[in-house]
Structures are given as structure tokens and as C-alpha cells.
Amino acid sequence: TLSGLFLFYTALVTPFVIGFFWDEEPCYRLPILEFDMTVDSFFIAEIIFTFNLGVFDKGVYVHQYPLVAKRYLRGMFIFDVI
């Protein structure tokens, strides 16, 4: 649920930031910087957690890191990174 809210926030705010702040000085501090850093940290933590959580394989819970990492890298990892 929190991940969905953060995705919605990012999709809503990013176009405005690009549209209205694109010509600011390189060191200009946006008022939403701290919250954006919190959102980014949440998504990084989510990627780390996903690498370390087990998966169900043919109805059996498997918690072997190589299998979990392989399935995540072949599946949703690219979408989480983008």
C-alpha cells in the first residue's frame, strides 16, 4: 500500500518538478527534497528486502538466496530499478 502511494506521488510530482524547476541553478534546493529522499530510500530498501525474502516455487516456500535472486532479476527487478 505504501509503495503504491509513493509511486502515485512520484508520478504526480515529477512532471511538475521537471516542468517548473528545469532552469534553476544546479544547487537550488527544492522544498520537497527531504521527502523525495525518503521515497527513494524506501524504494531502495524494498529492492533489498525483495532480494532477501523467500519465494513460492511450485507450491513450496523456498528461501535459497541464489534462487530468489535469479527469479527477481529475471522478473520484476528491471521495473523496480526504473
N, C-alpha and C. Protein backbone atom coordinates (compact mmCIF):
# COMPACT_ATOMS: atom_id res chain seq x y z
N THR A 1 0.82 -1.18 0.00
CA THR A 1 0.00 0.00 0.00
C THR A 1 0.87 1.26 0.00
N LEU A 2 1.86 1.29 0.87
CA LEU A 2 2.76 2.44 0.93
C LEU A 2 3.54 2.59 -0.37
N SER A 3 3.94 1.48 -0.93
CA SER A 3 4.65 1.52 -2.20
C SER A 3 3.79 2.13 -3.29
N GLY A 4 2.54 1.77 -3.33
CA GLY A 4 1.61 2.33 -4.31
C GLY A 4 1.41 3.83 -4.12
N LEU A 5 1.31 4.26 -2.88
CA LEU A 5 1.17 5.69 -2.60
C LEU A 5 2.41 6.46 -3.03
N PHE A 6 3.59 5.90 -2.76
CA PHE A 6 4.82 6.56 -3.18
C PHE A 6 4.95 6.59 -4.70
N LEU A 7 4.52 5.54 -5.37
CA LEU A 7 4.54 5.53 -6.84
C LEU A 7 3.60 6.60 -7.39
N PHE A 8 2.43 6.72 -6.79
CA PHE A 8 1.48 7.75 -7.21
C PHE A 8 2.06 9.14 -7.00
N TYR A 9 2.67 9.37 -5.84
CA TYR A 9 3.30 10.66 -5.55
C TYR A 9 4.38 10.97 -6.60
N THR A 10 5.23 10.00 -6.89
CA THR A 10 6.31 10.20 -7.86
C THR A 10 5.76 10.51 -9.24
N ALA A 11 4.73 9.78 -9.66
CA ALA A 11 4.13 10.02 -10.97
C ALA A 11 3.44 11.37 -11.04
N LEU A 12 2.93 11.85 -9.94
CA LEU A 12 2.24 13.13 -9.91
C LEU A 12 3.19 14.32 -9.81
N VAL A 13 4.22 14.21 -8.99
CA VAL A 13 5.10 15.34 -8.70
C VAL A 13 6.22 15.51 -9.72
N THR A 14 6.78 14.43 -10.23
CA THR A 14 7.93 14.52 -11.13
C THR A 14 7.70 15.40 -12.35
N PRO A 15 6.57 15.30 -13.06
CA PRO A 15 6.37 16.19 -14.21
C PRO A 15 6.36 17.68 -13.82
N PHE A 16 5.81 18.01 -12.66
CA PHE A 16 5.80 19.40 -12.22
C PHE A 16 7.21 19.89 -11.88
N VAL A 17 7.98 19.05 -11.24
CA VAL A 17 9.36 19.42 -10.90
C VAL A 17 10.17 19.64 -12.17
N ILE A 18 10.03 18.75 -13.13
CA ILE A 18 10.75 18.91 -14.39
C ILE A 18 10.25 20.14 -15.13
N GLY A 19 8.96 20.36 -15.14
CA GLY A 19 8.38 21.47 -15.89
C GLY A 19 8.66 22.85 -15.31
N PHE A 20 8.68 22.96 -13.98
CA PHE A 20 8.81 24.27 -13.37
C PHE A 20 10.19 24.58 -12.80
N PHE A 21 11.00 23.57 -12.59
CA PHE A 21 12.30 23.80 -11.97
C PHE A 21 13.48 23.42 -12.88
N TRP A 22 13.23 23.18 -14.15
CA TRP A 22 14.30 22.73 -15.04
C TRP A 22 15.37 23.78 -15.27
N ASP A 23 15.05 25.06 -15.14
CA ASP A 23 16.04 26.10 -15.41
C ASP A 23 16.64 26.72 -14.16
N GLU A 24 16.43 26.10 -13.01
CA GLU A 24 17.00 26.62 -11.76
C GLU A 24 18.51 26.34 -11.72
N GLU A 25 19.18 27.04 -10.86
CA GLU A 25 20.61 26.83 -10.66
C GLU A 25 20.85 25.39 -10.21
N PRO A 26 22.02 24.81 -10.54
CA PRO A 26 22.28 23.41 -10.18
C PRO A 26 22.20 23.13 -8.68
N CYS A 27 22.49 24.08 -7.85
CA CYS A 27 22.47 23.85 -6.40
C CYS A 27 21.18 24.35 -5.74
N TYR A 28 20.16 24.63 -6.53
CA TYR A 28 18.90 25.09 -5.97
C TYR A 28 18.25 23.96 -5.18
N ARG A 29 17.85 24.25 -3.95
CA ARG A 29 17.26 23.23 -3.07
C ARG A 29 15.74 23.29 -3.19
N LEU A 30 15.18 22.21 -3.74
CA LEU A 30 13.73 22.13 -3.85
C LEU A 30 13.09 21.93 -2.48
N PRO A 31 11.90 22.46 -2.28
CA PRO A 31 11.24 22.31 -0.97
C PRO A 31 10.85 20.88 -0.64
N ILE A 32 10.80 20.01 -1.61
CA ILE A 32 10.38 18.63 -1.38
C ILE A 32 11.56 17.66 -1.32
N LEU A 33 12.77 18.18 -1.22
CA LEU A 33 13.98 17.35 -1.27
C LEU A 33 13.98 16.26 -0.21
N GLU A 34 13.70 16.59 1.02
CA GLU A 34 13.75 15.60 2.10
C GLU A 34 12.73 14.48 1.90
N PHE A 35 11.53 14.85 1.48
CA PHE A 35 10.51 13.81 1.25
C PHE A 35 10.90 12.93 0.06
N ASP A 36 11.45 13.53 -0.98
CA ASP A 36 11.91 12.74 -2.13
C ASP A 36 13.02 11.77 -1.73
N MET A 37 13.89 12.20 -0.85
CA MET A 37 14.94 11.31 -0.37
C MET A 37 14.35 10.16 0.44
N THR A 38 13.31 10.43 1.20
CA THR A 38 12.62 9.38 1.96
C THR A 38 11.99 8.37 1.01
N VAL A 39 11.35 8.85 -0.03
CA VAL A 39 10.72 7.97 -1.01
C VAL A 39 11.78 7.12 -1.70
N ASP A 40 12.88 7.72 -2.12
CA ASP A 40 13.96 6.97 -2.76
C ASP A 40 14.55 5.92 -1.83
N SER A 41 14.73 6.28 -0.57
CA SER A 41 15.25 5.32 0.41
C SER A 41 14.29 4.16 0.61
N PHE A 42 13.00 4.45 0.61
CA PHE A 42 12.01 3.38 0.73
C PHE A 42 12.11 2.40 -0.43
N PHE A 43 12.24 2.90 -1.65
CA PHE A 43 12.33 2.02 -2.81
C PHE A 43 13.63 1.22 -2.82
N ILE A 44 14.73 1.80 -2.36
CA ILE A 44 15.98 1.05 -2.26
C ILE A 44 15.85 -0.06 -1.23
N ALA A 45 15.23 0.25 -0.08
CA ALA A 45 15.01 -0.77 0.95
C ALA A 45 14.09 -1.88 0.44
N GLU A 46 13.11 -1.51 -0.35
CA GLU A 46 12.19 -2.51 -0.91
C GLU A 46 12.94 -3.48 -1.84
N ILE A 47 13.86 -2.97 -2.63
CA ILE A 47 14.67 -3.83 -3.50
C ILE A 47 15.52 -4.78 -2.66
N ILE A 48 16.14 -4.27 -1.61
CA ILE A 48 16.96 -5.11 -0.74
C ILE A 48 16.12 -6.18 -0.06
N PHE A 49 14.95 -5.82 0.44
CA PHE A 49 14.06 -6.80 1.07
C PHE A 49 13.62 -7.87 0.08
N THR A 50 13.30 -7.47 -1.12
CA THR A 50 12.84 -8.44 -2.12
C THR A 50 13.93 -9.46 -2.45
N PHE A 51 15.18 -9.02 -2.47
CA PHE A 51 16.28 -9.95 -2.70
C PHE A 51 16.43 -10.95 -1.57
N ASN A 52 16.01 -10.60 -0.38
CA ASN A 52 16.24 -11.45 0.79
C ASN A 52 15.01 -12.19 1.28
N LEU A 53 13.88 -12.04 0.63
CA LEU A 53 12.67 -12.77 1.02
C LEU A 53 12.55 -14.03 0.18
N GLY A 54 11.93 -15.03 0.74
CA GLY A 54 11.74 -16.28 0.02
C GLY A 54 10.64 -16.17 -1.02
N VAL A 55 10.55 -17.21 -1.85
CA VAL A 55 9.53 -17.27 -2.91
C VAL A 55 8.85 -18.63 -2.87
N PHE A 56 7.69 -18.69 -3.48
CA PHE A 56 7.00 -19.96 -3.64
C PHE A 56 7.34 -20.53 -5.00
N ASP A 57 7.85 -21.75 -5.01
CA ASP A 57 8.19 -22.43 -6.26
C ASP A 57 7.43 -23.74 -6.31
N LYS A 58 6.45 -23.80 -7.18
CA LYS A 58 5.58 -24.98 -7.33
C LYS A 58 4.90 -25.33 -6.02
N GLY A 59 4.44 -24.31 -5.31
CA GLY A 59 3.70 -24.51 -4.08
C GLY A 59 4.55 -24.72 -2.84
N VAL A 60 5.87 -24.68 -3.00
CA VAL A 60 6.78 -24.89 -1.87
C VAL A 60 7.54 -23.60 -1.61
N TYR A 61 7.60 -23.21 -0.33
CA TYR A 61 8.33 -22.00 0.04
C TYR A 61 9.82 -22.29 0.01
N VAL A 62 10.55 -21.47 -0.77
CA VAL A 62 12.00 -21.65 -0.92
C VAL A 62 12.68 -20.38 -0.44
N HIS A 63 13.70 -20.56 0.41
CA HIS A 63 14.45 -19.41 0.91
C HIS A 63 15.94 -19.58 0.61
N GLN A 64 16.24 -19.95 -0.61
CA GLN A 64 17.62 -20.08 -1.04
C GLN A 64 17.98 -18.84 -1.84
N TYR A 65 18.98 -18.11 -1.35
CA TYR A 65 19.31 -16.81 -1.94
C TYR A 65 19.55 -16.88 -3.45
N PRO A 66 20.31 -17.84 -3.99
CA PRO A 66 20.54 -17.85 -5.45
C PRO A 66 19.24 -17.98 -6.25
N LEU A 67 18.32 -18.81 -5.78
CA LEU A 67 17.05 -18.98 -6.49
C LEU A 67 16.20 -17.71 -6.41
N VAL A 68 16.15 -17.12 -5.22
CA VAL A 68 15.37 -15.89 -5.04
C VAL A 68 15.94 -14.77 -5.91
N ALA A 69 17.25 -14.58 -5.89
CA ALA A 69 17.89 -13.54 -6.67
C ALA A 69 17.68 -13.77 -8.17
N LYS A 70 17.80 -15.00 -8.60
CA LYS A 70 17.61 -15.33 -10.02
C LYS A 70 16.19 -15.01 -10.48
N ARG A 71 15.21 -15.40 -9.68
CA ARG A 71 13.82 -15.12 -10.06
C ARG A 71 13.52 -13.63 -10.06
N TYR A 72 14.07 -12.91 -9.09
CA TYR A 72 13.83 -11.46 -9.00
C TYR A 72 14.52 -10.74 -10.15
N LEU A 73 15.76 -11.12 -10.45
CA LEU A 73 16.48 -10.48 -11.55
C LEU A 73 15.83 -10.73 -12.90
N ARG A 74 15.25 -11.90 -13.07
CA ARG A 74 14.57 -12.22 -14.33
C ARG A 74 13.15 -11.68 -14.39
N GLY A 75 12.63 -11.25 -13.27
CA GLY A 75 11.24 -10.80 -13.23
C GLY A 75 11.10 -9.31 -13.05
N MET A 76 10.77 -8.89 -11.84
CA MET A 76 10.37 -7.50 -11.57
C MET A 76 11.52 -6.56 -11.25
N PHE A 77 12.75 -7.04 -11.20
CA PHE A 77 13.88 -6.18 -10.82
C PHE A 77 14.01 -4.98 -11.75
N ILE A 78 13.92 -5.19 -13.04
CA ILE A 78 14.09 -4.09 -14.00
C ILE A 78 13.03 -3.00 -13.79
N PHE A 79 11.82 -3.41 -13.45
CA PHE A 79 10.76 -2.43 -13.21
C PHE A 79 10.99 -1.69 -11.89
N ASP A 80 11.54 -2.36 -10.90
CA ASP A 80 11.83 -1.70 -9.63
C ASP A 80 12.98 -0.70 -9.76
N VAL A 81 13.94 -1.00 -10.62
CA VAL A 81 15.08 -0.11 -10.79
C VAL A 81 14.69 1.12 -11.61
N ILE A 82 13.88 0.93 -12.60
CA ILE A 82 13.46 2.05 -13.45
C ILE A 82 12.53 2.91 -12.66
